[in-house]
Amino acid sequence: MRINKFLAELGIASRRGADEIVAAGRVTVNGKIAAPGCEIEESDTVMLDGKILSHKIHYEYYLLNKPKGCVCTVADEKTDRPRKTVMEFLPEGAGRVFPVGRLDYNSEGLLILTNDGELAYRLTAPQNEIPKTYLVRVEGTMTPTQLNRLRAGVEIEKGVVTKKCKIVVVETDKKYTKMHVVLTEGKNREIRKMFETVGKEVTFLKRIRLGDLTLSGLDRGACRKLTQEEVFYLKNL
């Protein structure tokens, strides 16, 4: 098993984060500093910052209804005034898990947290095209031309074009428009940037569905363990 996968499955970091930890020289294998991308066996002694890591992994899976005003990181280390993170909403006794994908600081809704690196990769890899549904609100009305542009894909940054998506208007009047937007990718602040290209600012953004998994019965800020059936479903999406 590659060292980054091993660390990710222990819930220490994402694979990318694990690569950074290894590159920093914090991991040893059988007493020697691990090389990025190295392979390990179950018989190897792996240590992080001098502490032995167990090869026996107990996977945990949580579903959080993320509120606004917190970040999707294990720790907010990039500011002098750390912000609240999604980790603060986990139940007491939860193990070392990490958020799967991201919702920005001002967005809310469905978020999976786990230490299962394989599942995290399955749900976030662009080629898997896992559908994610968002409730989006903008001020004013949306014209058919604006909607069709967004559905067909728009350039949100130089050379970065979004994939085709589904958009269904669910409520509208002269003051605002609410829509369900279904994406199969997860670029940074993608929905907000999409609507900016047609002159609209997103005033509310909530992920309400991942595949067929929903937030039914889960209040804002509440978190619960996924059922075995839900985990099986996600692993087979």
C-alpha atoms as a PDB file:
ATOM      1  CA  MET A   1       0.000   0.000   0.000  1.00  0.00           C
ATOM      2  CA  ARG A   2       1.296   3.470  -0.830  1.00  0.00           C
ATOM      3  CA  ILE A   3       2.202   5.545   2.203  1.00  0.00           C
ATOM      4  CA  ASN A   4      -0.225   8.374   1.368  1.00  0.00           C
ATOM      5  CA  LYS A   5      -3.123   5.925   1.076  1.00  0.00           C
ATOM      6  CA  PHE A   6      -2.188   4.371   4.421  1.00  0.00           C
ATOM      7  CA  LEU A   7      -2.180   7.755   6.164  1.00  0.00           C
ATOM      8  CA  ALA A   8      -5.445   8.760   4.496  1.00  0.00           C
ATOM      9  CA  GLU A   9      -7.175   5.562   5.607  1.00  0.00           C
ATOM     10  CA  LEU A  10      -6.107   6.268   9.176  1.00  0.00           C
ATOM     11  CA  GLY A  11      -7.891   9.616   8.916  1.00  0.00           C
ATOM     12  CA  ILE A  12      -4.685  11.594   9.427  1.00  0.00           C
ATOM     13  CA  ALA A  13      -5.095  13.647   6.258  1.00  0.00           C
ATOM     14  CA  SER A  14      -6.318  13.483   2.684  1.00  0.00           C
ATOM     15  CA  ARG A  15      -3.951  11.822   0.206  1.00  0.00           C
ATOM     16  CA  ARG A  16      -2.646  15.209  -0.851  1.00  0.00           C
ATOM     17  CA  GLY A  17      -2.209  16.236   2.768  1.00  0.00           C
ATOM     18  CA  ALA A  18      -0.481  12.928   3.483  1.00  0.00           C
ATOM     19  CA  ASP A  19       1.986  13.600   0.656  1.00  0.00           C
ATOM     20  CA  GLU A  20       2.850  16.918   2.309  1.00  0.00           C
ATOM     21  CA  ILE A  21       3.361  15.219   5.683  1.00  0.00           C
ATOM     22  CA  VAL A  22       5.687  12.642   4.133  1.00  0.00           C
ATOM     23  CA  ALA A  23       7.595  15.306   2.174  1.00  0.00           C
ATOM     24  CA  ALA A  24       8.163  17.171   5.452  1.00  0.00           C
ATOM     25  CA  GLY A  25      10.040  14.129   6.797  1.00  0.00           C
ATOM     26  CA  ARG A  26       7.570  13.469   9.617  1.00  0.00           C
ATOM     27  CA  VAL A  27       6.992   9.802   8.702  1.00  0.00           C
ATOM     28  CA  THR A  28       9.421   6.930   9.168  1.00  0.00           C
ATOM     29  CA  VAL A  29       9.203   3.327   7.971  1.00  0.00           C
ATOM     30  CA  ASN A  30      11.277   0.843   9.958  1.00  0.00           C
ATOM     31  CA  GLY A  31      13.292   3.700  11.426  1.00  0.00           C
ATOM     32  CA  LYS A  32      14.085   5.432   8.129  1.00  0.00           C
ATOM     33  CA  ILE A  33      12.484   8.619   6.824  1.00  0.00           C
ATOM     34  CA  ALA A  34       9.784   7.614   4.329  1.00  0.00           C
ATOM     35  CA  ALA A  35      10.184   8.630   0.715  1.00  0.00           C
ATOM     36  CA  PRO A  36       7.170  10.190  -1.043  1.00  0.00           C
ATOM     37  CA  GLY A  37       5.204   7.490  -2.848  1.00  0.00           C
ATOM     38  CA  CYS A  38       6.886   4.596  -1.056  1.00  0.00           C
ATOM     39  CA  GLU A  39       5.077   1.287  -0.593  1.00  0.00           C
ATOM     40  CA  ILE A  40       4.587  -0.283   2.838  1.00  0.00           C
ATOM     41  CA  GLU A  41       3.657  -3.770   4.046  1.00  0.00           C
ATOM     42  CA  GLU A  42       1.631  -4.811   7.092  1.00  0.00           C
ATOM     43  CA  SER A  43       4.860  -6.003   8.721  1.00  0.00           C
ATOM     44  CA  ASP A  44       6.458  -2.535   8.483  1.00  0.00           C
ATOM     45  CA  THR A  45       6.659  -0.237  11.496  1.00  0.00           C
ATOM     46  CA  VAL A  46       5.306   3.159  10.463  1.00  0.00           C
ATOM     47  CA  MET A  47       5.709   6.173  12.753  1.00  0.00           C
ATOM     48  CA  LEU A  48       4.381   9.725  12.541  1.00  0.00           C
ATOM     49  CA  ASP A  49       6.197  12.317  14.637  1.00  0.00           C
ATOM     50  CA  GLY A  50       7.712   9.472  16.646  1.00  0.00           C
ATOM     51  CA  LYS A  51       4.417   7.667  17.354  1.00  0.00           C
ATOM     52  CA  ILE A  52       3.702   4.204  15.970  1.00  0.00           C
ATOM     53  CA  LEU A  53       0.689   3.968  13.644  1.00  0.00           C
ATOM     54  CA  SER A  54      -1.471   0.863  13.781  1.00  0.00           C
ATOM     55  CA  HIS A  55      -2.196  -1.100  10.600  1.00  0.00           C
ATOM     56  CA  LYS A  56      -5.612  -2.034  11.978  1.00  0.00           C
ATOM     57  CA  ILE A  57      -8.102   0.538  10.744  1.00  0.00           C
ATOM     58  CA  HIS A  58     -11.568   1.124  12.201  1.00  0.00           C
ATOM     59  CA  TYR A  59     -13.569   3.074   9.664  1.00  0.00           C
ATOM     60  CA  GLU A  60     -16.051   5.712  10.778  1.00  0.00           C
ATOM     61  CA  TYR A  61     -18.628   7.515   8.637  1.00  0.00           C
ATOM     62  CA  TYR A  62     -20.598  10.626   9.595  1.00  0.00           C
ATOM     63  CA  LEU A  63     -23.197  12.814   7.923  1.00  0.00           C
ATOM     64  CA  LEU A  64     -23.175  16.492   8.916  1.00  0.00           C
ATOM     65  CA  ASN A  65     -25.660  19.207   8.045  1.00  0.00           C
ATOM     66  CA  LYS A  66     -22.990  21.900   7.870  1.00  0.00           C
ATOM     67  CA  PRO A  67     -24.103  25.366   8.958  1.00  0.00           C
ATOM     68  CA  LYS A  68     -22.748  28.622   7.559  1.00  0.00           C
ATOM     69  CA  GLY A  69     -19.840  30.184   9.381  1.00  0.00           C
ATOM     70  CA  CYS A  70     -17.392  27.279   9.559  1.00  0.00           C
ATOM     71  CA  VAL A  71     -14.694  25.846   7.295  1.00  0.00           C
ATOM     72  CA  CYS A  72     -14.317  22.321   5.913  1.00  0.00           C
ATOM     73  CA  THR A  73     -10.876  21.617   7.313  1.00  0.00           C
ATOM     74  CA  VAL A  74      -9.532  19.634  10.247  1.00  0.00           C
ATOM     75  CA  ALA A  75      -7.872  22.807  11.588  1.00  0.00           C
ATOM     76  CA  ASP A  76      -7.882  26.403  10.380  1.00  0.00           C
ATOM     77  CA  GLU A  77      -4.153  27.110  10.452  1.00  0.00           C
ATOM     78  CA  LYS A  78      -3.921  29.764   7.718  1.00  0.00           C
ATOM     79  CA  THR A  79      -5.087  32.704   9.795  1.00  0.00           C
ATOM     80  CA  ASP A  80      -4.086  34.485  13.004  1.00  0.00           C
ATOM     81  CA  ARG A  81      -7.677  34.163  14.156  1.00  0.00           C
ATOM     82  CA  PRO A  82      -8.717  30.519  13.537  1.00  0.00           C
ATOM     83  CA  ARG A  83     -12.308  30.053  12.445  1.00  0.00           C
ATOM     84  CA  LYS A  84     -14.697  27.372  13.596  1.00  0.00           C
ATOM     85  CA  THR A  85     -14.271  24.108  11.671  1.00  0.00           C
ATOM     86  CA  VAL A  86     -16.702  21.302  10.857  1.00  0.00           C
ATOM     87  CA  MET A  87     -14.803  19.069  13.310  1.00  0.00           C
ATOM     88  CA  GLU A  88     -16.491  20.900  16.187  1.00  0.00           C
ATOM     89  CA  PHE A  89     -19.849  19.394  15.196  1.00  0.00           C
ATOM     90  CA  LEU A  90     -18.750  15.764  15.494  1.00  0.00           C
ATOM     91  CA  PRO A  91     -20.246  13.767  18.374  1.00  0.00           C
ATOM     92  CA  GLU A  92     -18.145  13.102  21.455  1.00  0.00           C
ATOM     93  CA  GLY A  93     -15.928  10.063  21.000  1.00  0.00           C
ATOM     94  CA  ALA A  94     -15.614  10.392  17.225  1.00  0.00           C
ATOM     95  CA  GLY A  95     -12.301   9.178  15.825  1.00  0.00           C
ATOM     96  CA  ARG A  96      -9.850  10.940  13.527  1.00  0.00           C
ATOM     97  CA  VAL A  97     -11.945  11.643  10.447  1.00  0.00           C
ATOM     98  CA  PHE A  98     -11.735  14.312   7.760  1.00  0.00           C
ATOM     99  CA  PRO A  99     -14.295  16.084   5.544  1.00  0.00           C
ATOM    100  CA  VAL A 100     -14.915  14.658   2.079  1.00  0.00           C
ATOM    101  CA  GLY A 101     -14.870  17.529  -0.386  1.00  0.00           C
ATOM    102  CA  ARG A 102     -15.661  21.068   0.663  1.00  0.00           C
ATOM    103  CA  LEU A 103     -18.400  23.591   1.201  1.00  0.00           C
ATOM    104  CA  ASP A 104     -17.148  27.152   1.522  1.00  0.00           C
ATOM    105  CA  TYR A 105     -17.457  29.250   4.692  1.00  0.00           C
ATOM    106  CA  ASN A 106     -20.795  30.802   3.672  1.00  0.00           C
ATOM    107  CA  SER A 107     -22.334  27.615   2.248  1.00  0.00           C
ATOM    108  CA  GLU A 108     -24.160  24.903   4.154  1.00  0.00           C
ATOM    109  CA  GLY A 109     -25.623  21.444   3.808  1.00  0.00           C
ATOM    110  CA  LEU A 110     -24.645  17.840   3.313  1.00  0.00           C
ATOM    111  CA  LEU A 111     -21.086  16.879   4.196  1.00  0.00           C
ATOM    112  CA  ILE A 112     -19.548  13.432   4.698  1.00  0.00           C
ATOM    113  CA  LEU A 113     -16.728  12.961   7.208  1.00  0.00           C
ATOM    114  CA  THR A 114     -14.766   9.707   7.346  1.00  0.00           C
ATOM    115  CA  ASN A 115     -11.339   8.109   7.689  1.00  0.00           C
ATOM    116  CA  ASP A 116     -12.036   5.834   4.711  1.00  0.00           C
ATOM    117  CA  GLY A 117      -9.676   7.200   2.088  1.00  0.00           C
ATOM    118  CA  GLU A 118     -10.970   4.919  -0.650  1.00  0.00           C
ATOM    119  CA  LEU A 119     -14.539   6.147  -0.199  1.00  0.00           C
ATOM    120  CA  ALA A 120     -13.388   9.760  -0.047  1.00  0.00           C
ATOM    121  CA  TYR A 121     -11.556   9.305  -3.340  1.00  0.00           C
ATOM    122  CA  ARG A 122     -14.561   7.585  -4.948  1.00  0.00           C
ATOM    123  CA  LEU A 123     -16.874  10.456  -3.998  1.00  0.00           C
ATOM    124  CA  THR A 124     -14.568  13.273  -5.086  1.00  0.00           C
ATOM    125  CA  ALA A 125     -12.744  11.935  -8.174  1.00  0.00           C
ATOM    126  CA  PRO A 126     -14.038  13.969 -11.159  1.00  0.00           C
ATOM    127  CA  GLN A 127     -14.111  10.945 -13.470  1.00  0.00           C
ATOM    128  CA  ASN A 128     -16.690   9.208 -11.243  1.00  0.00           C
ATOM    129  CA  GLU A 129     -19.209  12.025 -11.888  1.00  0.00           C
ATOM    130  CA  ILE A 130     -21.075  11.572  -8.578  1.00  0.00           C
ATOM    131  CA  PRO A 131     -24.161  13.840  -8.763  1.00  0.00           C
ATOM    132  CA  LYS A 132     -24.477  16.470  -6.047  1.00  0.00           C
ATOM    133  CA  THR A 133     -27.624  18.586  -5.765  1.00  0.00           C
ATOM    134  CA  TYR A 134     -27.615  22.141  -4.402  1.00  0.00           C
ATOM    135  CA  LEU A 135     -30.377  24.550  -3.468  1.00  0.00           C
ATOM    136  CA  VAL A 136     -29.326  27.926  -4.886  1.00  0.00           C
ATOM    137  CA  ARG A 137     -30.950  31.312  -4.423  1.00  0.00           C
ATOM    138  CA  VAL A 138     -30.211  34.491  -6.373  1.00  0.00           C
ATOM    139  CA  GLU A 139     -31.856  37.894  -6.355  1.00  0.00           C
ATOM    140  CA  GLY A 140     -34.306  38.715  -9.131  1.00  0.00           C
ATOM    141  CA  THR A 141     -35.367  36.456 -11.981  1.00  0.00           C
ATOM    142  CA  MET A 142     -33.392  34.174 -14.283  1.00  0.00           C
ATOM    143  CA  THR A 143     -33.967  34.391 -18.028  1.00  0.00           C
ATOM    144  CA  PRO A 144     -34.081  31.273 -20.232  1.00  0.00           C
ATOM    145  CA  THR A 145     -30.889  32.517 -21.923  1.00  0.00           C
ATOM    146  CA  GLN A 146     -29.036  32.732 -18.598  1.00  0.00           C
ATOM    147  CA  LEU A 147     -30.222  29.284 -17.510  1.00  0.00           C
ATOM    148  CA  ASN A 148     -29.282  27.669 -20.808  1.00  0.00           C
ATOM    149  CA  ARG A 149     -25.808  29.206 -20.716  1.00  0.00           C
ATOM    150  CA  LEU A 150     -25.194  27.729 -17.283  1.00  0.00           C
ATOM    151  CA  ARG A 151     -26.601  24.331 -18.265  1.00  0.00           C
ATOM    152  CA  ALA A 152     -24.291  24.155 -21.277  1.00  0.00           C
ATOM    153  CA  GLY A 153     -21.156  25.033 -19.297  1.00  0.00           C
ATOM    154  CA  VAL A 154     -19.438  28.389 -18.779  1.00  0.00           C
ATOM    155  CA  GLU A 155     -15.857  29.598 -18.407  1.00  0.00           C
ATOM    156  CA  ILE A 156     -15.436  30.478 -14.711  1.00  0.00           C
ATOM    157  CA  GLU A 157     -11.706  31.174 -14.951  1.00  0.00           C
ATOM    158  CA  LYS A 158      -9.308  31.493 -17.863  1.00  0.00           C
ATOM    159  CA  GLY A 159      -9.302  28.087 -19.526  1.00  0.00           C
ATOM    160  CA  VAL A 160     -11.590  26.534 -16.884  1.00  0.00           C
ATOM    161  CA  VAL A 161     -14.992  25.555 -18.272  1.00  0.00           C
ATOM    162  CA  THR A 162     -17.685  23.832 -16.226  1.00  0.00           C
ATOM    163  CA  LYS A 163     -19.323  20.614 -17.366  1.00  0.00           C
ATOM    164  CA  LYS A 164     -22.934  20.502 -18.490  1.00  0.00           C
ATOM    165  CA  CYS A 165     -25.296  20.519 -15.513  1.00  0.00           C
ATOM    166  CA  LYS A 166     -28.969  20.297 -14.635  1.00  0.00           C
ATOM    167  CA  ILE A 167     -30.792  23.377 -13.340  1.00  0.00           C
ATOM    168  CA  VAL A 168     -34.463  23.350 -12.348  1.00  0.00           C
ATOM    169  CA  VAL A 169     -36.243  26.473 -11.105  1.00  0.00           C
ATOM    170  CA  VAL A 170     -38.287  25.519  -8.028  1.00  0.00           C
ATOM    171  CA  GLU A 171     -39.548  28.931  -6.893  1.00  0.00           C
ATOM    172  CA  THR A 172     -39.432  32.436  -8.328  1.00  0.00           C
ATOM    173  CA  ASP A 173     -40.930  35.918  -8.230  1.00  0.00           C
ATOM    174  CA  LYS A 174     -39.589  39.364  -9.069  1.00  0.00           C
ATOM    175  CA  LYS A 175     -37.451  39.464  -5.905  1.00  0.00           C
ATOM    176  CA  TYR A 176     -35.644  36.125  -6.046  1.00  0.00           C
ATOM    177  CA  THR A 177     -35.240  32.765  -7.783  1.00  0.00           C
ATOM    178  CA  LYS A 178     -34.600  29.392  -6.124  1.00  0.00           C
ATOM    179  CA  MET A 179     -33.149  26.532  -8.159  1.00  0.00           C
ATOM    180  CA  HIS A 180     -31.908  22.979  -7.820  1.00  0.00           C
ATOM    181  CA  VAL A 181     -28.482  22.711  -9.452  1.00  0.00           C
ATOM    182  CA  VAL A 182     -26.999  19.241 -10.043  1.00  0.00           C
ATOM    183  CA  LEU A 183     -23.233  19.057 -10.587  1.00  0.00           C
ATOM    184  CA  THR A 184     -20.979  16.072 -11.249  1.00  0.00           C
ATOM    185  CA  GLU A 185     -17.740  17.878 -10.415  1.00  0.00           C
ATOM    186  CA  GLY A 186     -16.511  19.993  -7.533  1.00  0.00           C
ATOM    187  CA  LYS A 187     -14.347  22.932  -8.572  1.00  0.00           C
ATOM    188  CA  ASN A 188     -13.558  25.580  -5.964  1.00  0.00           C
ATOM    189  CA  ARG A 189     -16.595  27.890  -5.453  1.00  0.00           C
ATOM    190  CA  GLU A 190     -17.910  26.549  -8.743  1.00  0.00           C
ATOM    191  CA  ILE A 191     -21.592  27.470  -8.377  1.00  0.00           C
ATOM    192  CA  ARG A 192     -20.900  30.999  -7.161  1.00  0.00           C
ATOM    193  CA  LYS A 193     -18.496  31.574 -10.057  1.00  0.00           C
ATOM    194  CA  MET A 194     -20.963  30.063 -12.558  1.00  0.00           C
ATOM    195  CA  PHE A 195     -23.703  32.500 -11.640  1.00  0.00           C
ATOM    196  CA  GLU A 196     -21.288  35.428 -11.642  1.00  0.00           C
ATOM    197  CA  THR A 197     -20.721  34.784 -15.376  1.00  0.00           C
ATOM    198  CA  VAL A 198     -24.387  35.609 -16.031  1.00  0.00           C
ATOM    199  CA  GLY A 199     -24.424  38.626 -13.705  1.00  0.00           C
ATOM    200  CA  LYS A 200     -25.993  36.935 -10.687  1.00  0.00           C
ATOM    201  CA  GLU A 201     -24.741  36.749  -7.101  1.00  0.00           C
ATOM    202  CA  VAL A 202     -25.616  33.635  -5.089  1.00  0.00           C
ATOM    203  CA  THR A 203     -27.220  34.713  -1.814  1.00  0.00           C
ATOM    204  CA  PHE A 204     -27.889  31.216  -0.454  1.00  0.00           C
ATOM    205  CA  LEU A 205     -26.201  27.899  -1.225  1.00  0.00           C
ATOM    206  CA  LYS A 206     -26.959  24.541   0.365  1.00  0.00           C
ATOM    207  CA  ARG A 207     -25.965  21.020  -0.716  1.00  0.00           C
ATOM    208  CA  ILE A 208     -29.100  18.963  -0.221  1.00  0.00           C
ATOM    209  CA  ARG A 209     -28.284  15.643  -1.865  1.00  0.00           C
ATOM    210  CA  LEU A 210     -25.357  13.361  -2.704  1.00  0.00           C
ATOM    211  CA  GLY A 211     -26.591  10.771  -5.159  1.00  0.00           C
ATOM    212  CA  ASP A 212     -29.782   9.676  -3.381  1.00  0.00           C
ATOM    213  CA  LEU A 213     -28.469  10.470   0.113  1.00  0.00           C
ATOM    214  CA  THR A 214     -30.274  13.432   1.687  1.00  0.00           C
ATOM    215  CA  LEU A 215     -30.346  15.454   4.915  1.00  0.00           C
ATOM    216  CA  SER A 216     -33.814  14.198   5.848  1.00  0.00           C
ATOM    217  CA  GLY A 217     -34.414  14.603   9.592  1.00  0.00           C
ATOM    218  CA  LEU A 218     -31.039  16.216  10.279  1.00  0.00           C
ATOM    219  CA  ASP A 219     -31.186  19.756  11.656  1.00  0.00           C
ATOM    220  CA  ARG A 220     -28.684  22.449  10.726  1.00  0.00           C
ATOM    221  CA  GLY A 221     -25.463  21.786  12.671  1.00  0.00           C
ATOM    222  CA  ALA A 222     -26.495  18.233  13.579  1.00  0.00           C
ATOM    223  CA  CYS A 223     -24.317  15.211  12.861  1.00  0.00           C
ATOM    224  CA  ARG A 224     -24.975  11.452  12.907  1.00  0.00           C
ATOM    225  CA  LYS A 225     -23.298   8.217  11.925  1.00  0.00           C
ATOM    226  CA  LEU A 226     -24.155   6.815   8.516  1.00  0.00           C
ATOM    227  CA  THR A 227     -26.022   3.514   8.554  1.00  0.00           C
ATOM    228  CA  GLN A 228     -24.460   0.379   7.081  1.00  0.00           C
ATOM    229  CA  GLU A 229     -26.941   0.604   4.217  1.00  0.00           C
ATOM    230  CA  GLU A 230     -25.921   4.198   3.477  1.00  0.00           C
ATOM    231  CA  VAL A 231     -22.219   3.325   3.532  1.00  0.00           C
ATOM    232  CA  PHE A 232     -22.845   0.390   1.174  1.00  0.00           C
ATOM    233  CA  TYR A 233     -24.798   2.713  -1.136  1.00  0.00           C
ATOM    234  CA  LEU A 234     -22.020   5.314  -1.245  1.00  0.00           C
ATOM    235  CA  LYS A 235     -19.355   2.696  -1.898  1.00  0.00           C
ATOM    236  CA  ASN A 236     -21.325   1.488  -4.905  1.00  0.00           C
ATOM    237  CA  LEU A 237     -22.232   4.839  -6.434  1.00  0.00           C
END
